[in-house]
């Protein structure tokens, strides 16, 4: 039986914290597994299932939602497929279930490529390429989008990793989010405006336990220092996992479902539990209508975006997570 996520690309490297391993999928160029010394740093899932709650996938040519799947270009209304029918929105781009082809690989890296072809609501052609690389202190992703069509094309990019420290309950981790504004939304999670987080429950710059959060919220004014933004999950023992992005990643979505299919042990069926997605984005929801963070690529123009996951405080002697196999 073939995997629901297509071909699996396994990366390995030795680090000062122990052996690191990642599994990248053909479908959606997603991160299905990432461990350091056997400890899960993202929510793993079996190859035989589609990514639960969009776990690990690349979101292109837009992240998040487009209201009613409708947007206007030079007086022409474009209608995208409503891929979030319950809320009457188009969500997570056009390659969520698309296959990427391998371009190059080493033991510690893989490059995958896919093309967004012209279709209903998006009459453009964009080639996207992503290289994942395991390093001594993390997993890096380098995306390049190139307009291969004849007209200027609107693009934005995001990803959907669920971070964790596998031998600590996710609810006990503390989230530090370096964002100064909250994207205010309606009942369909489409933007109404943007407001400062100061004095609100959305001010997570000083940290908050994941168990105390109930979020499916976008944030803006992400702080960028020396060309990099950082959001961190920290364990009670001081270890941390940081999601970083380059100067393009000025928005972030945080999602804290309590019904994510987490694996209680490698010999048990999945159970529903707490998870947290920290989703770096170059543009917020409904960017095709608002223009916020949207990039227009001229024919043959390219655009590069980088982000990654960095671990700190890990040693080669910490106990191995029971959740590290994920059907790999």
C-alpha atoms as a PDB file:
ATOM      1  CA  UNK A   1       0.000   0.000   0.000  1.00  0.00           C
ATOM      2  CA  UNK A   2       1.424   3.367  -0.995  1.00  0.00           C
ATOM      3  CA  UNK A   3       1.663   6.155   1.579  1.00  0.00           C
ATOM      4  CA  UNK A   4      -1.071   8.777   1.592  1.00  0.00           C
ATOM      5  CA  UNK A   5       1.677  11.412   1.633  1.00  0.00           C
ATOM      6  CA  UNK A   6       3.538   9.863  -1.307  1.00  0.00           C
ATOM      7  CA  UNK A   7       7.272   9.247  -1.408  1.00  0.00           C
ATOM      8  CA  UNK A   8       9.089   9.741   1.891  1.00  0.00           C
ATOM      9  CA  UNK A   9      12.459  11.532   1.982  1.00  0.00           C
ATOM     10  CA  UNK A  10      14.472  10.703   5.107  1.00  0.00           C
ATOM     11  CA  UNK A  11      17.200  13.079   6.295  1.00  0.00           C
ATOM     12  CA  UNK A  12      19.763  12.303   9.003  1.00  0.00           C
ATOM     13  CA  UNK A  13      22.711  14.059  10.606  1.00  0.00           C
ATOM     14  CA  UNK A  14      24.739  13.758  13.798  1.00  0.00           C
ATOM     15  CA  UNK A  15      24.550  16.796  16.079  1.00  0.00           C
ATOM     16  CA  UNK A  16      26.034  17.701  19.485  1.00  0.00           C
ATOM     17  CA  UNK A  17      22.583  16.858  20.895  1.00  0.00           C
ATOM     18  CA  UNK A  18      22.506  13.404  19.297  1.00  0.00           C
ATOM     19  CA  UNK A  19      21.273  12.061  15.999  1.00  0.00           C
ATOM     20  CA  UNK A  20      18.735  14.218  14.145  1.00  0.00           C
ATOM     21  CA  UNK A  21      16.202  12.752  11.747  1.00  0.00           C
ATOM     22  CA  UNK A  22      13.514  14.274   9.550  1.00  0.00           C
ATOM     23  CA  UNK A  23      11.033  12.794   7.098  1.00  0.00           C
ATOM     24  CA  UNK A  24       9.758  15.056   4.311  1.00  0.00           C
ATOM     25  CA  UNK A  25       6.788  14.056   2.176  1.00  0.00           C
ATOM     26  CA  UNK A  26       6.165  14.193  -1.548  1.00  0.00           C
ATOM     27  CA  UNK A  27       2.631  15.476  -0.937  1.00  0.00           C
ATOM     28  CA  UNK A  28       2.650  19.165   0.081  1.00  0.00           C
ATOM     29  CA  UNK A  29       6.429  19.007   0.728  1.00  0.00           C
ATOM     30  CA  UNK A  30       5.502  18.537   4.375  1.00  0.00           C
ATOM     31  CA  UNK A  31       7.483  17.727   7.516  1.00  0.00           C
ATOM     32  CA  UNK A  32       6.063  14.413   8.753  1.00  0.00           C
ATOM     33  CA  UNK A  33       8.634  13.769  11.444  1.00  0.00           C
ATOM     34  CA  UNK A  34      11.546  15.602  13.050  1.00  0.00           C
ATOM     35  CA  UNK A  35      13.448  14.201  16.024  1.00  0.00           C
ATOM     36  CA  UNK A  36      16.663  14.951  17.882  1.00  0.00           C
ATOM     37  CA  UNK A  37      18.118  12.074  19.910  1.00  0.00           C
ATOM     38  CA  UNK A  38      14.751  10.352  19.511  1.00  0.00           C
ATOM     39  CA  UNK A  39      12.768  13.267  20.952  1.00  0.00           C
ATOM     40  CA  UNK A  40       9.981  14.574  18.719  1.00  0.00           C
ATOM     41  CA  UNK A  41      10.224  18.285  17.926  1.00  0.00           C
ATOM     42  CA  UNK A  42       7.141  18.293  15.687  1.00  0.00           C
ATOM     43  CA  UNK A  43       3.926  16.297  15.966  1.00  0.00           C
ATOM     44  CA  UNK A  44       4.605  13.084  14.018  1.00  0.00           C
ATOM     45  CA  UNK A  45       1.991  11.174  12.073  1.00  0.00           C
ATOM     46  CA  UNK A  46       1.970   7.916  10.084  1.00  0.00           C
ATOM     47  CA  UNK A  47       2.783   7.917   6.378  1.00  0.00           C
ATOM     48  CA  UNK A  48      -0.512   6.111   5.753  1.00  0.00           C
ATOM     49  CA  UNK A  49      -2.699   9.107   6.671  1.00  0.00           C
ATOM     50  CA  UNK A  50      -3.157  12.565   5.209  1.00  0.00           C
ATOM     51  CA  UNK A  51      -1.535  15.293   7.334  1.00  0.00           C
ATOM     52  CA  UNK A  52      -3.873  15.790  10.313  1.00  0.00           C
ATOM     53  CA  UNK A  53      -5.042  19.379  10.605  1.00  0.00           C
ATOM     54  CA  UNK A  54      -2.605  20.321   7.800  1.00  0.00           C
ATOM     55  CA  UNK A  55       0.389  19.239   9.903  1.00  0.00           C
ATOM     56  CA  UNK A  56       3.738  20.246   8.436  1.00  0.00           C
ATOM     57  CA  UNK A  57       2.582  21.275   4.960  1.00  0.00           C
ATOM     58  CA  UNK A  58       3.659  24.181   2.735  1.00  0.00           C
ATOM     59  CA  UNK A  59       0.972  26.807   2.043  1.00  0.00           C
ATOM     60  CA  UNK A  60       1.347  28.428  -1.382  1.00  0.00           C
ATOM     61  CA  UNK A  61       0.461  30.691  -3.249  1.00  0.00           C
ATOM     62  CA  UNK A  62      -1.311  31.937  -0.114  1.00  0.00           C
ATOM     63  CA  UNK A  63      -1.519  30.835   3.525  1.00  0.00           C
ATOM     64  CA  UNK A  64      -4.608  30.933   5.709  1.00  0.00           C
ATOM     65  CA  UNK A  65      -7.946  32.035   4.212  1.00  0.00           C
ATOM     66  CA  UNK A  66      -9.447  34.045   1.359  1.00  0.00           C
ATOM     67  CA  UNK A  67     -12.930  35.279   2.209  1.00  0.00           C
ATOM     68  CA  UNK A  68     -15.547  33.505   0.073  1.00  0.00           C
ATOM     69  CA  UNK A  69     -12.682  32.371  -2.177  1.00  0.00           C
ATOM     70  CA  UNK A  70     -13.212  35.620  -4.053  1.00  0.00           C
ATOM     71  CA  UNK A  71     -10.825  38.437  -4.930  1.00  0.00           C
ATOM     72  CA  UNK A  72     -10.601  41.180  -7.542  1.00  0.00           C
ATOM     73  CA  UNK A  73      -7.770  42.037  -9.921  1.00  0.00           C
ATOM     74  CA  UNK A  74      -8.030  45.139 -12.112  1.00  0.00           C
ATOM     75  CA  UNK A  75     -11.817  45.060 -11.917  1.00  0.00           C
ATOM     76  CA  UNK A  76     -12.055  41.332 -12.673  1.00  0.00           C
ATOM     77  CA  UNK A  77     -13.474  39.108  -9.922  1.00  0.00           C
ATOM     78  CA  UNK A  78     -11.635  35.798  -9.483  1.00  0.00           C
ATOM     79  CA  UNK A  79     -13.375  32.826  -7.848  1.00  0.00           C
ATOM     80  CA  UNK A  80     -11.310  30.120  -6.151  1.00  0.00           C
ATOM     81  CA  UNK A  81     -12.620  26.740  -5.052  1.00  0.00           C
ATOM     82  CA  UNK A  82     -14.117  26.841  -1.541  1.00  0.00           C
ATOM     83  CA  UNK A  83     -11.795  24.421   0.227  1.00  0.00           C
ATOM     84  CA  UNK A  84     -13.144  25.380   3.667  1.00  0.00           C
ATOM     85  CA  UNK A  85     -16.851  24.928   2.861  1.00  0.00           C
ATOM     86  CA  UNK A  86     -18.068  25.133   6.466  1.00  0.00           C
ATOM     87  CA  UNK A  87     -16.818  28.748   6.588  1.00  0.00           C
ATOM     88  CA  UNK A  88     -17.239  29.444   2.864  1.00  0.00           C
ATOM     89  CA  UNK A  89     -13.552  30.247   2.385  1.00  0.00           C
ATOM     90  CA  UNK A  90     -10.600  29.148   0.271  1.00  0.00           C
ATOM     91  CA  UNK A  91      -7.856  27.953   2.591  1.00  0.00           C
ATOM     92  CA  UNK A  92      -4.141  27.082   2.552  1.00  0.00           C
ATOM     93  CA  UNK A  93      -3.305  27.655  -1.091  1.00  0.00           C
ATOM     94  CA  UNK A  94      -3.335  25.335  -4.097  1.00  0.00           C
ATOM     95  CA  UNK A  95      -0.733  22.667  -3.324  1.00  0.00           C
ATOM     96  CA  UNK A  96      -2.087  21.261  -0.054  1.00  0.00           C
ATOM     97  CA  UNK A  97      -2.619  17.891  -1.753  1.00  0.00           C
ATOM     98  CA  UNK A  98      -0.189  18.435  -4.614  1.00  0.00           C
ATOM     99  CA  UNK A  99       2.830  16.271  -5.360  1.00  0.00           C
ATOM    100  CA  UNK A 100       6.328  17.741  -5.364  1.00  0.00           C
ATOM    101  CA  UNK A 101       9.102  16.167  -7.416  1.00  0.00           C
ATOM    102  CA  UNK A 102      12.609  15.571  -6.032  1.00  0.00           C
ATOM    103  CA  UNK A 103      15.296  17.771  -7.553  1.00  0.00           C
ATOM    104  CA  UNK A 104      18.386  17.058  -5.430  1.00  0.00           C
ATOM    105  CA  UNK A 105      19.293  15.326  -2.184  1.00  0.00           C
ATOM    106  CA  UNK A 106      22.097  14.499   0.236  1.00  0.00           C
ATOM    107  CA  UNK A 107      22.025  12.557   3.490  1.00  0.00           C
ATOM    108  CA  UNK A 108      20.991  15.736   5.334  1.00  0.00           C
ATOM    109  CA  UNK A 109      18.991  17.667   2.733  1.00  0.00           C
ATOM    110  CA  UNK A 110      16.382  17.364   0.024  1.00  0.00           C
ATOM    111  CA  UNK A 111      15.092  19.803  -2.601  1.00  0.00           C
ATOM    112  CA  UNK A 112      11.540  19.413  -3.908  1.00  0.00           C
ATOM    113  CA  UNK A 113       9.726  21.346  -6.623  1.00  0.00           C
ATOM    114  CA  UNK A 114       6.138  21.796  -7.794  1.00  0.00           C
ATOM    115  CA  UNK A 115       4.270  24.097 -10.159  1.00  0.00           C
ATOM    116  CA  UNK A 116       1.076  25.996  -9.462  1.00  0.00           C
ATOM    117  CA  UNK A 117      -0.610  25.936 -12.863  1.00  0.00           C
ATOM    118  CA  UNK A 118      -3.268  28.399 -14.019  1.00  0.00           C
ATOM    119  CA  UNK A 119      -6.711  27.404 -12.756  1.00  0.00           C
ATOM    120  CA  UNK A 120     -10.076  28.765 -11.657  1.00  0.00           C
ATOM    121  CA  UNK A 121      -9.503  31.890  -9.563  1.00  0.00           C
ATOM    122  CA  UNK A 122      -5.736  31.910 -10.102  1.00  0.00           C
ATOM    123  CA  UNK A 123      -4.838  32.418 -13.797  1.00  0.00           C
ATOM    124  CA  UNK A 124      -1.073  32.384 -13.197  1.00  0.00           C
ATOM    125  CA  UNK A 125       1.799  29.923 -13.286  1.00  0.00           C
ATOM    126  CA  UNK A 126       4.321  29.818 -10.453  1.00  0.00           C
ATOM    127  CA  UNK A 127       7.100  27.335  -9.832  1.00  0.00           C
ATOM    128  CA  UNK A 128       7.896  26.711  -6.182  1.00  0.00           C
ATOM    129  CA  UNK A 129      10.963  24.967  -4.802  1.00  0.00           C
ATOM    130  CA  UNK A 130      11.887  24.140  -1.202  1.00  0.00           C
ATOM    131  CA  UNK A 131      15.113  22.790   0.281  1.00  0.00           C
ATOM    132  CA  UNK A 132      15.051  21.244   3.747  1.00  0.00           C
ATOM    133  CA  UNK A 133      18.406  20.873   5.507  1.00  0.00           C
ATOM    134  CA  UNK A 134      19.255  19.314   8.864  1.00  0.00           C
ATOM    135  CA  UNK A 135      21.963  21.278  10.678  1.00  0.00           C
ATOM    136  CA  UNK A 136      23.812  20.997  13.974  1.00  0.00           C
ATOM    137  CA  UNK A 137      21.077  22.911  15.803  1.00  0.00           C
ATOM    138  CA  UNK A 138      17.936  22.592  13.737  1.00  0.00           C
ATOM    139  CA  UNK A 139      15.994  22.083  10.532  1.00  0.00           C
ATOM    140  CA  UNK A 140      16.082  24.848   7.903  1.00  0.00           C
ATOM    141  CA  UNK A 141      13.741  25.477   4.969  1.00  0.00           C
ATOM    142  CA  UNK A 142      14.601  27.621   1.958  1.00  0.00           C
ATOM    143  CA  UNK A 143      11.728  28.410  -0.449  1.00  0.00           C
ATOM    144  CA  UNK A 144      12.027  29.972  -3.896  1.00  0.00           C
ATOM    145  CA  UNK A 145       8.985  31.037  -5.910  1.00  0.00           C
ATOM    146  CA  UNK A 146       9.427  31.942  -9.586  1.00  0.00           C
ATOM    147  CA  UNK A 147       6.789  33.345 -11.913  1.00  0.00           C
ATOM    148  CA  UNK A 148       6.919  31.164 -15.043  1.00  0.00           C
ATOM    149  CA  UNK A 149       3.852  32.752 -16.613  1.00  0.00           C
ATOM    150  CA  UNK A 150       3.371  35.786 -18.835  1.00  0.00           C
ATOM    151  CA  UNK A 151       1.532  38.051 -16.338  1.00  0.00           C
ATOM    152  CA  UNK A 152       2.516  39.386 -12.925  1.00  0.00           C
ATOM    153  CA  UNK A 153       1.360  36.924 -10.238  1.00  0.00           C
ATOM    154  CA  UNK A 154       0.322  37.516  -6.597  1.00  0.00           C
ATOM    155  CA  UNK A 155       2.037  35.197  -4.110  1.00  0.00           C
ATOM    156  CA  UNK A 156       2.349  34.671  -0.393  1.00  0.00           C
ATOM    157  CA  UNK A 157       3.760  31.742   1.527  1.00  0.00           C
ATOM    158  CA  UNK A 158       3.306  30.027   4.863  1.00  0.00           C
ATOM    159  CA  UNK A 159       3.921  26.698   6.551  1.00  0.00           C
ATOM    160  CA  UNK A 160       2.030  24.690   9.161  1.00  0.00           C
ATOM    161  CA  UNK A 161       4.365  22.964  11.674  1.00  0.00           C
ATOM    162  CA  UNK A 162       3.060  21.698  15.018  1.00  0.00           C
ATOM    163  CA  UNK A 163       5.963  22.082  17.441  1.00  0.00           C
ATOM    164  CA  UNK A 164       6.567  20.071  20.596  1.00  0.00           C
ATOM    165  CA  UNK A 165       9.191  18.702  22.961  1.00  0.00           C
ATOM    166  CA  UNK A 166       8.208  15.077  22.899  1.00  0.00           C
ATOM    167  CA  UNK A 167       9.061  14.043  26.449  1.00  0.00           C
ATOM    168  CA  UNK A 168       7.123  16.980  27.976  1.00  0.00           C
ATOM    169  CA  UNK A 169       3.324  17.373  27.850  1.00  0.00           C
ATOM    170  CA  UNK A 170       2.619  20.078  25.289  1.00  0.00           C
ATOM    171  CA  UNK A 171       0.307  21.868  27.711  1.00  0.00           C
ATOM    172  CA  UNK A 172       3.250  22.388  30.083  1.00  0.00           C
ATOM    173  CA  UNK A 173       5.311  24.245  27.470  1.00  0.00           C
ATOM    174  CA  UNK A 174       5.446  28.049  27.549  1.00  0.00           C
ATOM    175  CA  UNK A 175       4.880  29.965  24.324  1.00  0.00           C
ATOM    176  CA  UNK A 176       6.776  33.212  23.719  1.00  0.00           C
ATOM    177  CA  UNK A 177       5.344  34.941  20.641  1.00  0.00           C
ATOM    178  CA  UNK A 178       7.127  38.049  19.363  1.00  0.00           C
ATOM    179  CA  UNK A 179       4.135  39.767  17.746  1.00  0.00           C
ATOM    180  CA  UNK A 180       2.781  43.193  18.603  1.00  0.00           C
ATOM    181  CA  UNK A 181      -0.643  43.101  16.930  1.00  0.00           C
ATOM    182  CA  UNK A 182      -3.577  40.712  16.752  1.00  0.00           C
ATOM    183  CA  UNK A 183      -5.614  40.120  13.606  1.00  0.00           C
ATOM    184  CA  UNK A 184      -9.222  40.653  14.671  1.00  0.00           C
ATOM    185  CA  UNK A 185     -11.627  38.342  12.836  1.00  0.00           C
ATOM    186  CA  UNK A 186     -15.298  37.574  12.295  1.00  0.00           C
ATOM    187  CA  UNK A 187     -17.067  34.294  13.028  1.00  0.00           C
ATOM    188  CA  UNK A 188     -15.597  32.803   9.834  1.00  0.00           C
ATOM    189  CA  UNK A 189     -12.063  33.744  10.925  1.00  0.00           C
ATOM    190  CA  UNK A 190     -11.706  36.392   8.249  1.00  0.00           C
ATOM    191  CA  UNK A 191      -9.942  39.672   9.153  1.00  0.00           C
ATOM    192  CA  UNK A 192     -11.875  42.705  10.365  1.00  0.00           C
ATOM    193  CA  UNK A 193      -8.867  44.752  11.455  1.00  0.00           C
ATOM    194  CA  UNK A 194      -5.652  44.735  13.441  1.00  0.00           C
ATOM    195  CA  UNK A 195      -5.177  45.855  17.042  1.00  0.00           C
ATOM    196  CA  UNK A 196      -2.297  46.147  19.516  1.00  0.00           C
ATOM    197  CA  UNK A 197      -1.880  43.182  21.856  1.00  0.00           C
ATOM    198  CA  UNK A 198      -0.921  45.387  24.826  1.00  0.00           C
ATOM    199  CA  UNK A 199      -3.074  44.598  27.848  1.00  0.00           C
ATOM    200  CA  UNK A 200      -4.974  41.772  26.121  1.00  0.00           C
ATOM    201  CA  UNK A 201      -4.895  37.983  26.345  1.00  0.00           C
ATOM    202  CA  UNK A 202      -3.129  38.016  22.995  1.00  0.00           C
ATOM    203  CA  UNK A 203       0.024  39.586  24.421  1.00  0.00           C
ATOM    204  CA  UNK A 204       2.228  36.496  24.489  1.00  0.00           C
ATOM    205  CA  UNK A 205       5.554  38.297  24.357  1.00  0.00           C
ATOM    206  CA  UNK A 206       6.195  37.498  28.032  1.00  0.00           C
ATOM    207  CA  UNK A 207       5.103  33.885  27.706  1.00  0.00           C
ATOM    208  CA  UNK A 208       2.018  31.793  28.482  1.00  0.00           C
ATOM    209  CA  UNK A 209       1.439  28.088  29.144  1.00  0.00           C
ATOM    210  CA  UNK A 210       0.025  26.292  26.141  1.00  0.00           C
ATOM    211  CA  UNK A 211      -2.584  24.598  28.358  1.00  0.00           C
ATOM    212  CA  UNK A 212      -3.982  28.061  29.148  1.00  0.00           C
ATOM    213  CA  UNK A 213      -4.376  29.063  25.505  1.00  0.00           C
ATOM    214  CA  UNK A 214      -7.345  28.645  23.186  1.00  0.00           C
ATOM    215  CA  UNK A 215      -6.214  30.104  19.892  1.00  0.00           C
ATOM    216  CA  UNK A 216      -6.792  29.944  16.177  1.00  0.00           C
ATOM    217  CA  UNK A 217      -5.515  33.466  15.721  1.00  0.00           C
ATOM    218  CA  UNK A 218      -3.301  35.470  13.434  1.00  0.00           C
ATOM    219  CA  UNK A 219      -0.774  38.035  14.612  1.00  0.00           C
ATOM    220  CA  UNK A 220       1.071  40.834  12.857  1.00  0.00           C
ATOM    221  CA  UNK A 221       3.894  43.296  13.484  1.00  0.00           C
ATOM    222  CA  UNK A 222       6.173  40.346  14.132  1.00  0.00           C
ATOM    223  CA  UNK A 223       9.402  41.685  15.540  1.00  0.00           C
ATOM    224  CA  UNK A 224      12.383  41.192  13.210  1.00  0.00           C
ATOM    225  CA  UNK A 225      15.877  41.659  14.645  1.00  0.00           C
ATOM    226  CA  UNK A 226      18.963  41.367  12.427  1.00  0.00           C
ATOM    227  CA  UNK A 227      16.805  39.972   9.641  1.00  0.00           C
ATOM    228  CA  UNK A 228      15.161  37.265  11.750  1.00  0.00           C
ATOM    229  CA  UNK A 229      11.976  36.788  13.779  1.00  0.00           C
ATOM    230  CA  UNK A 230      11.728  34.186  16.563  1.00  0.00           C
ATOM    231  CA  UNK A 231       8.887  32.470  18.433  1.00  0.00           C
ATOM    232  CA  UNK A 232       9.767  30.003  21.183  1.00  0.00           C
ATOM    233  CA  UNK A 233       8.323  27.051  23.084  1.00  0.00           C
ATOM    234  CA  UNK A 234      10.137  26.449  26.377  1.00  0.00           C
ATOM    235  CA  UNK A 235      10.028  23.424  28.682  1.00  0.00           C
ATOM    236  CA  UNK A 236      10.127  23.709  32.500  1.00  0.00           C
ATOM    237  CA  UNK A 237      13.703  22.353  32.460  1.00  0.00           C
ATOM    238  CA  UNK A 238      14.899  25.183  30.197  1.00  0.00           C
ATOM    239  CA  UNK A 239      15.061  23.349  26.882  1.00  0.00           C
ATOM    240  CA  UNK A 240      13.440  25.171  24.003  1.00  0.00           C
ATOM    241  CA  UNK A 241      12.344  24.861  20.409  1.00  0.00           C
ATOM    242  CA  UNK A 242      12.343  28.088  18.397  1.00  0.00           C
ATOM    243  CA  UNK A 243      10.581  28.774  15.122  1.00  0.00           C
ATOM    244  CA  UNK A 244      12.462  31.472  13.226  1.00  0.00           C
ATOM    245  CA  UNK A 245      11.741  33.263   9.973  1.00  0.00           C
ATOM    246  CA  UNK A 246      13.519  35.746   7.757  1.00  0.00           C
ATOM    247  CA  UNK A 247      12.427  39.343   7.219  1.00  0.00           C
ATOM    248  CA  UNK A 248       9.581  38.165   4.952  1.00  0.00           C
ATOM    249  CA  UNK A 249       7.823  36.262   7.744  1.00  0.00           C
ATOM    250  CA  UNK A 250       6.088  39.243   9.381  1.00  0.00           C
ATOM    251  CA  UNK A 251       2.889  37.393  10.305  1.00  0.00           C
ATOM    252  CA  UNK A 252       2.208  34.260  12.309  1.00  0.00           C
ATOM    253  CA  UNK A 253      -0.836  32.100  13.052  1.00  0.00           C
ATOM    254  CA  UNK A 254      -1.117  30.166  16.334  1.00  0.00           C
ATOM    255  CA  UNK A 255      -3.505  27.206  16.582  1.00  0.00           C
ATOM    256  CA  UNK A 256      -3.929  25.233  19.820  1.00  0.00           C
ATOM    257  CA  UNK A 257      -6.319  22.328  19.134  1.00  0.00           C
ATOM    258  CA  UNK A 258      -7.114  19.895  21.924  1.00  0.00           C
ATOM    259  CA  UNK A 259      -8.255  17.186  19.526  1.00  0.00           C
ATOM    260  CA  UNK A 260      -5.031  16.615  17.596  1.00  0.00           C
ATOM    261  CA  UNK A 261      -4.368  12.874  17.005  1.00  0.00           C
ATOM    262  CA  UNK A 262      -1.326  12.505  19.273  1.00  0.00           C
ATOM    263  CA  UNK A 263       0.276   9.102  19.716  1.00  0.00           C
ATOM    264  CA  UNK A 264       0.206   7.859  23.332  1.00  0.00           C
ATOM    265  CA  UNK A 265       2.927   5.296  22.580  1.00  0.00           C
ATOM    266  CA  UNK A 266       4.332   3.629  19.502  1.00  0.00           C
ATOM    267  CA  UNK A 267       2.270   0.510  20.294  1.00  0.00           C
ATOM    268  CA  UNK A 268      -1.035   2.300  20.856  1.00  0.00           C
ATOM    269  CA  UNK A 269      -3.562   3.934  18.587  1.00  0.00           C
ATOM    270  CA  UNK A 270      -3.630   7.701  18.336  1.00  0.00           C
ATOM    271  CA  UNK A 271      -5.553   9.583  21.009  1.00  0.00           C
ATOM    272  CA  UNK A 272      -6.869  13.149  20.864  1.00  0.00           C
ATOM    273  CA  UNK A 273      -4.800  15.669  22.771  1.00  0.00           C
ATOM    274  CA  UNK A 274      -3.215  19.118  23.021  1.00  0.00           C
ATOM    275  CA  UNK A 275      -1.061  20.391  20.178  1.00  0.00           C
ATOM    276  CA  UNK A 276       0.229  23.761  19.033  1.00  0.00           C
ATOM    277  CA  UNK A 277       0.865  24.966  15.500  1.00  0.00           C
ATOM    278  CA  UNK A 278       3.071  28.026  15.072  1.00  0.00           C
ATOM    279  CA  UNK A 279       2.628  28.988  11.426  1.00  0.00           C
ATOM    280  CA  UNK A 280       5.003  31.570   9.939  1.00  0.00           C
ATOM    281  CA  UNK A 281       3.416  33.546   7.099  1.00  0.00           C
ATOM    282  CA  UNK A 282       4.503  36.261   4.705  1.00  0.00           C
ATOM    283  CA  UNK A 283       0.929  37.587   4.586  1.00  0.00           C
ATOM    284  CA  UNK A 284      -2.156  37.352   6.807  1.00  0.00           C
ATOM    285  CA  UNK A 285      -5.553  35.887   5.981  1.00  0.00           C
ATOM    286  CA  UNK A 286      -7.366  37.443   2.994  1.00  0.00           C
ATOM    287  CA  UNK A 287      -4.203  39.078   1.665  1.00  0.00           C
ATOM    288  CA  UNK A 288      -5.431  38.757  -1.935  1.00  0.00           C
ATOM    289  CA  UNK A 289      -8.138  41.281  -1.012  1.00  0.00           C
ATOM    290  CA  UNK A 290      -6.321  43.505   1.489  1.00  0.00           C
ATOM    291  CA  UNK A 291      -2.917  43.427  -0.193  1.00  0.00           C
ATOM    292  CA  UNK A 292      -1.227  43.123   3.222  1.00  0.00           C
ATOM    293  CA  UNK A 293       2.085  41.322   2.860  1.00  0.00           C
ATOM    294  CA  UNK A 294       1.261  40.308  -0.704  1.00  0.00           C
ATOM    295  CA  UNK A 295       4.111  40.036  -3.228  1.00  0.00           C
ATOM    296  CA  UNK A 296       3.569  40.473  -6.951  1.00  0.00           C
ATOM    297  CA  UNK A 297       6.140  38.643  -9.061  1.00  0.00           C
ATOM    298  CA  UNK A 298       6.836  39.885 -12.581  1.00  0.00           C
ATOM    299  CA  UNK A 299       7.308  37.268 -15.311  1.00  0.00           C
ATOM    300  CA  UNK A 300      10.508  35.280 -14.642  1.00  0.00           C
ATOM    301  CA  UNK A 301      11.029  37.077 -11.297  1.00  0.00           C
ATOM    302  CA  UNK A 302      11.976  34.970  -8.258  1.00  0.00           C
ATOM    303  CA  UNK A 303      11.442  35.425  -4.534  1.00  0.00           C
ATOM    304  CA  UNK A 304      13.160  33.561  -1.690  1.00  0.00           C
ATOM    305  CA  UNK A 305      11.830  32.983   1.833  1.00  0.00           C
ATOM    306  CA  UNK A 306      13.628  31.188   4.675  1.00  0.00           C
ATOM    307  CA  UNK A 307      12.524  29.796   8.030  1.00  0.00           C
ATOM    308  CA  UNK A 308      13.489  27.003  10.378  1.00  0.00           C
ATOM    309  CA  UNK A 309      13.213  25.197  13.696  1.00  0.00           C
ATOM    310  CA  UNK A 310      16.074  25.487  16.204  1.00  0.00           C
ATOM    311  CA  UNK A 311      16.531  23.425  19.369  1.00  0.00           C
ATOM    312  CA  UNK A 312      18.491  24.605  22.427  1.00  0.00           C
ATOM    313  CA  UNK A 313      19.468  22.954  25.705  1.00  0.00           C
ATOM    314  CA  UNK A 314      19.233  19.389  24.440  1.00  0.00           C
ATOM    315  CA  UNK A 315      21.940  16.834  25.247  1.00  0.00           C
ATOM    316  CA  UNK A 316      22.630  13.338  24.050  1.00  0.00           C
ATOM    317  CA  UNK A 317      21.622  11.840  27.414  1.00  0.00           C
ATOM    318  CA  UNK A 318      17.965  12.866  27.650  1.00  0.00           C
ATOM    319  CA  UNK A 319      15.425  10.090  27.499  1.00  0.00           C
ATOM    320  CA  UNK A 320      13.881   9.140  24.179  1.00  0.00           C
ATOM    321  CA  UNK A 321      10.283  10.091  23.418  1.00  0.00           C
ATOM    322  CA  UNK A 322       7.879   7.199  22.972  1.00  0.00           C
ATOM    323  CA  UNK A 323       6.307   9.121  20.088  1.00  0.00           C
ATOM    324  CA  UNK A 324       9.293   9.147  17.765  1.00  0.00           C
ATOM    325  CA  UNK A 325       8.400   6.402  15.262  1.00  0.00           C
ATOM    326  CA  UNK A 326       5.140   7.763  13.769  1.00  0.00           C
ATOM    327  CA  UNK A 327       4.855   4.818  11.441  1.00  0.00           C
ATOM    328  CA  UNK A 328       8.084   5.693   9.621  1.00  0.00           C
END
